[in-house]
Amino acid sequence: MTVARELAEFLTRTSSSDLPRQAVDHAAMLIASTIASAAMSAGLESYEIIRTLARERGGSARSTTRTVVHRRRRALSSRPPSFD
C-alpha cells in the first residue's frame, strides 16, 4: 500500500471530533494565516508569478484565492487608516 493510500484511508476514517481540540484549533489558525498571507501579498510580483502559473495549469480566473484576495482588498480599502 502506498503512503498516499494509507493517508487517504486514515483521513476518510477520521472526523474532526476524533482529533484533539488543540490540533483542530491550530489547523484552523494555520489555514486562516495562509489565507491572510495570500491576501496581503496580492500586489507583490511573486503573487503574480504564482497566479500566472495557476492559470497556466488550468486554474480558473474565479478561483477561491483570487476571490479571497479581492474581498480582502475591499475590506482594507473601506477601513479608516491605522495610527499604530
PDB file of N, CA and C in Angstrom:
ATOM      1  N   MET A   1       0.849  -1.179   0.000  1.00  0.00           N
ATOM      2  CA  MET A   1       0.000   0.000   0.000  1.00  0.00           C
ATOM      3  C   MET A   1       0.895   1.243   0.000  1.00  0.00           C
ATOM      4  N   THR A   2       0.539   2.248  -0.794  1.00  0.00           N
ATOM      5  CA  THR A   2       1.334   3.466  -0.860  1.00  0.00           C
ATOM      6  C   THR A   2       1.059   4.365   0.334  1.00  0.00           C
ATOM      7  N   VAL A   3       1.978   5.271   0.573  1.00  0.00           N
ATOM      8  CA  VAL A   3       1.811   6.229   1.661  1.00  0.00           C
ATOM      9  C   VAL A   3       0.574   7.089   1.405  1.00  0.00           C
ATOM     10  N   ALA A   4       0.391   7.509   0.159  1.00  0.00           N
ATOM     11  CA  ALA A   4      -0.779   8.320  -0.186  1.00  0.00           C
ATOM     12  C   ALA A   4      -2.072   7.567   0.112  1.00  0.00           C
ATOM     13  N   ARG A   5      -2.086   6.287  -0.204  1.00  0.00           N
ATOM     14  CA  ARG A   5      -3.277   5.467   0.043  1.00  0.00           C
ATOM     15  C   ARG A   5      -3.544   5.338   1.539  1.00  0.00           C
ATOM     16  N   GLU A   6      -2.492   5.098   2.313  1.00  0.00           N
ATOM     17  CA  GLU A   6      -2.642   4.986   3.769  1.00  0.00           C
ATOM     18  C   GLU A   6      -3.156   6.288   4.360  1.00  0.00           C
ATOM     19  N   LEU A   7      -2.611   7.410   3.892  1.00  0.00           N
ATOM     20  CA  LEU A   7      -3.060   8.716   4.386  1.00  0.00           C
ATOM     21  C   LEU A   7      -4.523   8.951   4.014  1.00  0.00           C
ATOM     22  N   ALA A   8      -4.882   8.633   2.788  1.00  0.00           N
ATOM     23  CA  ALA A   8      -6.268   8.802   2.345  1.00  0.00           C
ATOM     24  C   ALA A   8      -7.217   7.961   3.187  1.00  0.00           C
ATOM     25  N   GLU A   9      -6.850   6.722   3.465  1.00  0.00           N
ATOM     26  CA  GLU A   9      -7.711   5.862   4.283  1.00  0.00           C
ATOM     27  C   GLU A   9      -7.834   6.389   5.706  1.00  0.00           C
ATOM     28  N   PHE A  10      -6.731   6.872   6.266  1.00  0.00           N
ATOM     29  CA  PHE A  10      -6.770   7.451   7.603  1.00  0.00           C
ATOM     30  C   PHE A  10      -7.702   8.656   7.633  1.00  0.00           C
ATOM     31  N   LEU A  11      -7.569   9.533   6.636  1.00  0.00           N
ATOM     32  CA  LEU A  11      -8.371  10.750   6.616  1.00  0.00           C
ATOM     33  C   LEU A  11      -9.858  10.471   6.403  1.00  0.00           C
ATOM     34  N   THR A  12     -10.182   9.465   5.624  1.00  0.00           N
ATOM     35  CA  THR A  12     -11.597   9.171   5.398  1.00  0.00           C
ATOM     36  C   THR A  12     -12.238   8.498   6.610  1.00  0.00           C
ATOM     37  N   ARG A  13     -11.431   7.885   7.457  1.00  0.00           N
ATOM     38  CA  ARG A  13     -11.954   7.247   8.673  1.00  0.00           C
ATOM     39  C   ARG A  13     -12.002   8.199   9.852  1.00  0.00           C
ATOM     40  N   THR A  14     -11.363   9.353   9.736  1.00  0.00           N
ATOM     41  CA  THR A  14     -11.206  10.265  10.867  1.00  0.00           C
ATOM     42  C   THR A  14     -12.115  11.472  10.723  1.00  0.00           C
ATOM     43  N   SER A  15     -12.811  11.805  11.798  1.00  0.00           N
ATOM     44  CA  SER A  15     -13.605  13.039  11.797  1.00  0.00           C
ATOM     45  C   SER A  15     -12.926  14.038  12.730  1.00  0.00           C
ATOM     46  N   SER A  16     -13.309  15.285  12.636  1.00  0.00           N
ATOM     47  CA  SER A  16     -12.668  16.301  13.485  1.00  0.00           C
ATOM     48  C   SER A  16     -12.894  16.023  14.966  1.00  0.00           C
ATOM     49  N   SER A  17     -13.987  15.359  15.306  1.00  0.00           N
ATOM     50  CA  SER A  17     -14.248  15.037  16.718  1.00  0.00           C
ATOM     51  C   SER A  17     -13.286  13.967  17.252  1.00  0.00           C
ATOM     52  N   ASP A  18     -12.620  13.232  16.335  1.00  0.00           N
ATOM     53  CA  ASP A  18     -11.634  12.238  16.748  1.00  0.00           C
ATOM     54  C   ASP A  18     -10.290  12.865  17.098  1.00  0.00           C
ATOM     55  N   LEU A  19     -10.091  14.104  16.702  1.00  0.00           N
ATOM     56  CA  LEU A  19      -8.808  14.775  16.896  1.00  0.00           C
ATOM     57  C   LEU A  19      -8.843  15.632  18.152  1.00  0.00           C
ATOM     58  N   PRO A  20      -7.680  15.846  18.769  1.00  0.00           N
ATOM     59  CA  PRO A  20      -7.639  16.730  19.942  1.00  0.00           C
ATOM     60  C   PRO A  20      -8.078  18.144  19.555  1.00  0.00           C
ATOM     61  N   ARG A  21      -8.836  18.787  20.414  1.00  0.00           N
ATOM     62  CA  ARG A  21      -9.350  20.137  20.144  1.00  0.00           C
ATOM     63  C   ARG A  21      -8.223  21.108  19.815  1.00  0.00           C
ATOM     64  N   GLN A  22      -7.102  20.980  20.524  1.00  0.00           N
ATOM     65  CA  GLN A  22      -5.966  21.874  20.282  1.00  0.00           C
ATOM     66  C   GLN A  22      -5.429  21.711  18.852  1.00  0.00           C
ATOM     67  N   ALA A  23      -5.403  20.493  18.352  1.00  0.00           N
ATOM     68  CA  ALA A  23      -4.925  20.249  16.984  1.00  0.00           C
ATOM     69  C   ALA A  23      -5.867  20.875  15.960  1.00  0.00           C
ATOM     70  N   VAL A  24      -7.164  20.768  16.180  1.00  0.00           N
ATOM     71  CA  VAL A  24      -8.148  21.359  15.266  1.00  0.00           C
ATOM     72  C   VAL A  24      -8.034  22.883  15.288  1.00  0.00           C
ATOM     73  N   ASP A  25      -7.915  23.458  16.480  1.00  0.00           N
ATOM     74  CA  ASP A  25      -7.766  24.910  16.604  1.00  0.00           C
ATOM     75  C   ASP A  25      -6.497  25.391  15.920  1.00  0.00           C
ATOM     76  N   HIS A  26      -5.413  24.657  16.093  1.00  0.00           N
ATOM     77  CA  HIS A  26      -4.137  25.026  15.481  1.00  0.00           C
ATOM     78  C   HIS A  26      -4.230  24.950  13.954  1.00  0.00           C
ATOM     79  N   ALA A  27      -4.866  23.919  13.445  1.00  0.00           N
ATOM     80  CA  ALA A  27      -5.045  23.780  11.998  1.00  0.00           C
ATOM     81  C   ALA A  27      -5.870  24.941  11.448  1.00  0.00           C
ATOM     82  N   ALA A  28      -6.919  25.314  12.145  1.00  0.00           N
ATOM     83  CA  ALA A  28      -7.760  26.439  11.712  1.00  0.00           C
ATOM     84  C   ALA A  28      -6.945  27.728  11.691  1.00  0.00           C
ATOM     85  N   MET A  29      -6.091  27.921  12.702  1.00  0.00           N
ATOM     86  CA  MET A  29      -5.250  29.112  12.755  1.00  0.00           C
ATOM     87  C   MET A  29      -4.266  29.134  11.584  1.00  0.00           C
ATOM     88  N   LEU A  30      -3.691  27.985  11.251  1.00  0.00           N
ATOM     89  CA  LEU A  30      -2.753  27.919  10.130  1.00  0.00           C
ATOM     90  C   LEU A  30      -3.439  28.219   8.799  1.00  0.00           C
ATOM     91  N   ILE A  31      -4.640  27.704   8.631  1.00  0.00           N
ATOM     92  CA  ILE A  31      -5.385  27.967   7.397  1.00  0.00           C
ATOM     93  C   ILE A  31      -5.721  29.457   7.293  1.00  0.00           C
ATOM     94  N   ALA A  32      -6.187  30.047   8.387  1.00  0.00           N
ATOM     95  CA  ALA A  32      -6.512  31.476   8.386  1.00  0.00           C
ATOM     96  C   ALA A  32      -5.261  32.314   8.114  1.00  0.00           C
ATOM     97  N   SER A  33      -4.147  31.927   8.680  1.00  0.00           N
ATOM     98  CA  SER A  33      -2.888  32.639   8.461  1.00  0.00           C
ATOM     99  C   SER A  33      -2.451  32.562   7.000  1.00  0.00           C
ATOM    100  N   THR A  34      -2.615  31.392   6.395  1.00  0.00           N
ATOM    101  CA  THR A  34      -2.255  31.217   4.986  1.00  0.00           C
ATOM    102  C   THR A  34      -3.115  32.103   4.092  1.00  0.00           C
ATOM    103  N   ILE A  35      -4.405  32.136   4.363  1.00  0.00           N
ATOM    104  CA  ILE A  35      -5.312  32.966   3.569  1.00  0.00           C
ATOM    105  C   ILE A  35      -4.983  34.445   3.753  1.00  0.00           C
ATOM    106  N   ALA A  36      -4.706  34.857   4.983  1.00  0.00           N
ATOM    107  CA  ALA A  36      -4.351  36.258   5.238  1.00  0.00           C
ATOM    108  C   ALA A  36      -3.054  36.628   4.532  1.00  0.00           C
ATOM    109  N   SER A  37      -2.081  35.733   4.559  1.00  0.00           N
ATOM    110  CA  SER A  37      -0.812  35.996   3.874  1.00  0.00           C
ATOM    111  C   SER A  37      -1.022  36.133   2.375  1.00  0.00           C
ATOM    112  N   ALA A  38      -1.845  35.275   1.816  1.00  0.00           N
ATOM    113  CA  ALA A  38      -2.136  35.353   0.382  1.00  0.00           C
ATOM    114  C   ALA A  38      -2.832  36.666   0.053  1.00  0.00           C
ATOM    115  N   ALA A  39      -3.757  37.071   0.885  1.00  0.00           N
ATOM    116  CA  ALA A  39      -4.497  38.307   0.641  1.00  0.00           C
ATOM    117  C   ALA A  39      -3.581  39.529   0.717  1.00  0.00           C
ATOM    118  N   MET A  40      -2.686  39.530   1.664  1.00  0.00           N
ATOM    119  CA  MET A  40      -1.808  40.687   1.834  1.00  0.00           C
ATOM    120  C   MET A  40      -0.702  40.750   0.783  1.00  0.00           C
ATOM    121  N   SER A  41      -0.418  39.663   0.119  1.00  0.00           N
ATOM    122  CA  SER A  41       0.664  39.654  -0.868  1.00  0.00           C
ATOM    123  C   SER A  41       0.164  39.902  -2.282  1.00  0.00           C
ATOM    124  N   ALA A  42      -1.093  40.259  -2.435  1.00  0.00           N
ATOM    125  CA  ALA A  42      -1.712  40.374  -3.758  1.00  0.00           C
ATOM    126  C   ALA A  42      -0.990  41.342  -4.688  1.00  0.00           C
ATOM    127  N   GLY A  43      -0.348  42.352  -4.172  1.00  0.00           N
ATOM    128  CA  GLY A  43       0.324  43.311  -5.032  1.00  0.00           C
ATOM    129  C   GLY A  43       1.771  42.976  -5.345  1.00  0.00           C
ATOM    130  N   LEU A  44       2.289  41.924  -4.783  1.00  0.00           N
ATOM    131  CA  LEU A  44       3.697  41.577  -4.966  1.00  0.00           C
ATOM    132  C   LEU A  44       3.935  40.828  -6.275  1.00  0.00           C
ATOM    133  N   GLU A  45       5.121  40.985  -6.811  1.00  0.00           N
ATOM    134  CA  GLU A  45       5.474  40.293  -8.056  1.00  0.00           C
ATOM    135  C   GLU A  45       5.384  38.777  -7.895  1.00  0.00           C
ATOM    136  N   SER A  46       5.805  38.258  -6.742  1.00  0.00           N
ATOM    137  CA  SER A  46       5.763  36.808  -6.530  1.00  0.00           C
ATOM    138  C   SER A  46       4.330  36.282  -6.574  1.00  0.00           C
ATOM    139  N   TYR A  47       3.374  37.073  -6.106  1.00  0.00           N
ATOM    140  CA  TYR A  47       1.969  36.676  -6.168  1.00  0.00           C
ATOM    141  C   TYR A  47       1.530  36.542  -7.624  1.00  0.00           C
ATOM    142  N   GLU A  48       1.923  37.519  -8.433  1.00  0.00           N
ATOM    143  CA  GLU A  48       1.553  37.488  -9.846  1.00  0.00           C
ATOM    144  C   GLU A  48       2.157  36.274 -10.552  1.00  0.00           C
ATOM    145  N   ILE A  49       3.380  35.915 -10.184  1.00  0.00           N
ATOM    146  CA  ILE A  49       4.027  34.737 -10.765  1.00  0.00           C
ATOM    147  C   ILE A  49       3.243  33.476 -10.423  1.00  0.00           C
ATOM    148  N   ILE A  50       2.868  33.316  -9.171  1.00  0.00           N
ATOM    149  CA  ILE A  50       2.111  32.139  -8.729  1.00  0.00           C
ATOM    150  C   ILE A  50       0.739  32.114  -9.400  1.00  0.00           C
ATOM    151  N   ARG A  51       0.090  33.267  -9.491  1.00  0.00           N
ATOM    152  CA  ARG A  51      -1.230  33.334 -10.131  1.00  0.00           C
ATOM    153  C   ARG A  51      -1.142  32.939 -11.606  1.00  0.00           C
ATOM    154  N   THR A  52      -0.092  33.411 -12.275  1.00  0.00           N
ATOM    155  CA  THR A  52       0.109  33.055 -13.678  1.00  0.00           C
ATOM    156  C   THR A  52       0.321  31.554 -13.828  1.00  0.00           C
ATOM    157  N   LEU A  53       1.141  30.963 -12.966  1.00  0.00           N
ATOM    158  CA  LEU A  53       1.368  29.518 -13.011  1.00  0.00           C
ATOM    159  C   LEU A  53       0.069  28.748 -12.788  1.00  0.00           C
ATOM    160  N   ALA A  54      -0.737  29.199 -11.853  1.00  0.00           N
ATOM    161  CA  ALA A  54      -2.013  28.521 -11.577  1.00  0.00           C
ATOM    162  C   ALA A  54      -2.930  28.583 -12.787  1.00  0.00           C
ATOM    163  N   ARG A  55      -2.981  29.732 -13.422  1.00  0.00           N
ATOM    164  CA  ARG A  55      -3.822  29.863 -14.623  1.00  0.00           C
ATOM    165  C   ARG A  55      -3.321  28.970 -15.750  1.00  0.00           C
ATOM    166  N   GLU A  56      -1.999  28.943 -15.936  1.00  0.00           N
ATOM    167  CA  GLU A  56      -1.429  28.110 -16.996  1.00  0.00           C
ATOM    168  C   GLU A  56      -1.726  26.633 -16.788  1.00  0.00           C
ATOM    169  N   ARG A  57      -1.878  26.240 -15.529  1.00  0.00           N
ATOM    170  CA  ARG A  57      -2.138  24.832 -15.220  1.00  0.00           C
ATOM    171  C   ARG A  57      -3.613  24.538 -15.062  1.00  0.00           C
ATOM    172  N   GLY A  58      -4.446  25.425 -15.563  1.00  0.00           N
ATOM    173  CA  GLY A  58      -5.881  25.153 -15.585  1.00  0.00           C
ATOM    174  C   GLY A  58      -6.686  25.814 -14.500  1.00  0.00           C
ATOM    175  N   GLY A  59      -6.087  26.694 -13.708  1.00  0.00           N
ATOM    176  CA  GLY A  59      -6.833  27.372 -12.664  1.00  0.00           C
ATOM    177  C   GLY A  59      -7.822  28.363 -13.238  1.00  0.00           C
ATOM    178  N   SER A  60      -8.906  28.540 -12.573  1.00  0.00           N
ATOM    179  CA  SER A  60      -9.961  29.440 -13.014  1.00  0.00           C
ATOM    180  C   SER A  60      -9.645  30.875 -12.612  1.00  0.00           C
ATOM    181  N   ALA A  61     -10.082  31.812 -13.415  1.00  0.00           N
ATOM    182  CA  ALA A  61      -9.939  33.228 -13.068  1.00  0.00           C
ATOM    183  C   ALA A  61     -10.795  33.579 -11.861  1.00  0.00           C
ATOM    184  N   ARG A  62     -11.754  32.735 -11.551  1.00  0.00           N
ATOM    185  CA  ARG A  62     -12.621  32.963 -10.397  1.00  0.00           C
ATOM    186  C   ARG A  62     -12.275  32.006  -9.262  1.00  0.00           C
ATOM    187  N   SER A  63     -11.010  31.687  -9.107  1.00  0.00           N
ATOM    188  CA  SER A  63     -10.594  30.740  -8.070  1.00  0.00           C
ATOM    189  C   SER A  63     -10.817  31.321  -6.681  1.00  0.00           C
ATOM    190  N   THR A  64     -10.843  30.446  -5.706  1.00  0.00           N
ATOM    191  CA  THR A  64     -11.100  30.852  -4.334  1.00  0.00           C
ATOM    192  C   THR A  64     -10.074  31.854  -3.835  1.00  0.00           C
ATOM    193  N   THR A  65      -8.784  31.610  -4.096  1.00  0.00           N
ATOM    194  CA  THR A  65      -7.770  32.533  -3.586  1.00  0.00           C
ATOM    195  C   THR A  65      -7.934  33.912  -4.187  1.00  0.00           C
ATOM    196  N   ARG A  66      -8.265  33.984  -5.456  1.00  0.00           N
ATOM    197  CA  ARG A  66      -8.446  35.297  -6.077  1.00  0.00           C
ATOM    198  C   ARG A  66      -9.639  36.006  -5.456  1.00  0.00           C
ATOM    199  N   THR A  67     -10.706  35.294  -5.221  1.00  0.00           N
ATOM    200  CA  THR A  67     -11.891  35.877  -4.596  1.00  0.00           C
ATOM    201  C   THR A  67     -11.560  36.386  -3.203  1.00  0.00           C
ATOM    202  N   VAL A  68     -10.826  35.594  -2.436  1.00  0.00           N
ATOM    203  CA  VAL A  68     -10.434  35.998  -1.081  1.00  0.00           C
ATOM    204  C   VAL A  68      -9.592  37.261  -1.135  1.00  0.00           C
ATOM    205  N   VAL A  69      -8.643  37.319  -2.060  1.00  0.00           N
ATOM    206  CA  VAL A  69      -7.767  38.482  -2.169  1.00  0.00           C
ATOM    207  C   VAL A  69      -8.575  39.727  -2.485  1.00  0.00           C
ATOM    208  N   HIS A  70      -9.498  39.645  -3.436  1.00  0.00           N
ATOM    209  CA  HIS A  70     -10.289  40.818  -3.789  1.00  0.00           C
ATOM    210  C   HIS A  70     -11.204  41.240  -2.642  1.00  0.00           C
ATOM    211  N   ARG A  71     -11.762  40.300  -1.934  1.00  0.00           N
ATOM    212  CA  ARG A  71     -12.591  40.654  -0.772  1.00  0.00           C
ATOM    213  C   ARG A  71     -11.743  41.325   0.295  1.00  0.00           C
ATOM    214  N   ARG A  72     -10.533  40.810   0.488  1.00  0.00           N
ATOM    215  CA  ARG A  72      -9.630  41.385   1.493  1.00  0.00           C
ATOM    216  C   ARG A  72      -9.254  42.819   1.098  1.00  0.00           C
ATOM    217  N   ARG A  73      -8.972  43.045  -0.187  1.00  0.00           N
ATOM    218  CA  ARG A  73      -8.642  44.395  -0.652  1.00  0.00           C
ATOM    219  C   ARG A  73      -9.787  45.356  -0.390  1.00  0.00           C
ATOM    220  N   ARG A  74     -11.003  44.915  -0.703  1.00  0.00           N
ATOM    221  CA  ARG A  74     -12.167  45.773  -0.471  1.00  0.00           C
ATOM    222  C   ARG A  74     -12.312  46.084   1.016  1.00  0.00           C
ATOM    223  N   ALA A  75     -12.123  45.081   1.846  1.00  0.00           N
ATOM    224  CA  ALA A  75     -12.253  45.285   3.292  1.00  0.00           C
ATOM    225  C   ALA A  75     -11.194  46.269   3.784  1.00  0.00           C
ATOM    226  N   LEU A  76      -9.977  46.124   3.297  1.00  0.00           N
ATOM    227  CA  LEU A  76      -8.912  47.024   3.729  1.00  0.00           C
ATOM    228  C   LEU A  76      -9.147  48.443   3.238  1.00  0.00           C
ATOM    229  N   SER A  77      -9.651  48.588   2.032  1.00  0.00           N
ATOM    230  CA  SER A  77      -9.856  49.919   1.485  1.00  0.00           C
ATOM    231  C   SER A  77     -11.001  50.653   2.166  1.00  0.00           C
ATOM    232  N   SER A  78     -11.898  49.919   2.821  1.00  0.00           N
ATOM    233  CA  SER A  78     -13.026  50.566   3.483  1.00  0.00           C
ATOM    234  C   SER A  78     -12.737  50.905   4.932  1.00  0.00           C
ATOM    235  N   ARG A  79     -11.582  50.510   5.435  1.00  0.00           N
ATOM    236  CA  ARG A  79     -11.219  50.801   6.826  1.00  0.00           C
ATOM    237  C   ARG A  79     -10.583  52.180   6.939  1.00  0.00           C
ATOM    238  N   PRO A  80     -10.782  52.825   8.094  1.00  0.00           N
ATOM    239  CA  PRO A  80     -10.050  54.082   8.314  1.00  0.00           C
ATOM    240  C   PRO A  80      -8.565  53.772   8.502  1.00  0.00           C
ATOM    241  N   PRO A  81      -7.685  54.720   8.267  1.00  0.00           N
ATOM    242  CA  PRO A  81      -6.252  54.441   8.405  1.00  0.00           C
ATOM    243  C   PRO A  81      -5.881  54.097   9.838  1.00  0.00           C
ATOM    244  N   SER A  82      -4.875  53.257   9.984  1.00  0.00           N
ATOM    245  CA  SER A  82      -4.398  52.847  11.301  1.00  0.00           C
ATOM    246  C   SER A  82      -3.294  53.802  11.756  1.00  0.00           C
ATOM    247  N   PHE A  83      -3.312  54.160  13.010  1.00  0.00           N
ATOM    248  CA  PHE A  83      -2.289  55.048  13.546  1.00  0.00           C
ATOM    249  C   PHE A  83      -1.416  54.339  14.556  1.00  0.00           C
ATOM    250  N   ASP A  84      -1.129  53.066  14.314  1.00  0.00           N
ATOM    251  CA  ASP A  84      -0.292  52.280  15.231  1.00  0.00           C
ATOM    252  C   ASP A  84       1.129  52.761  15.199  1.00  0.00           C
TER     253      ASP A  84
END
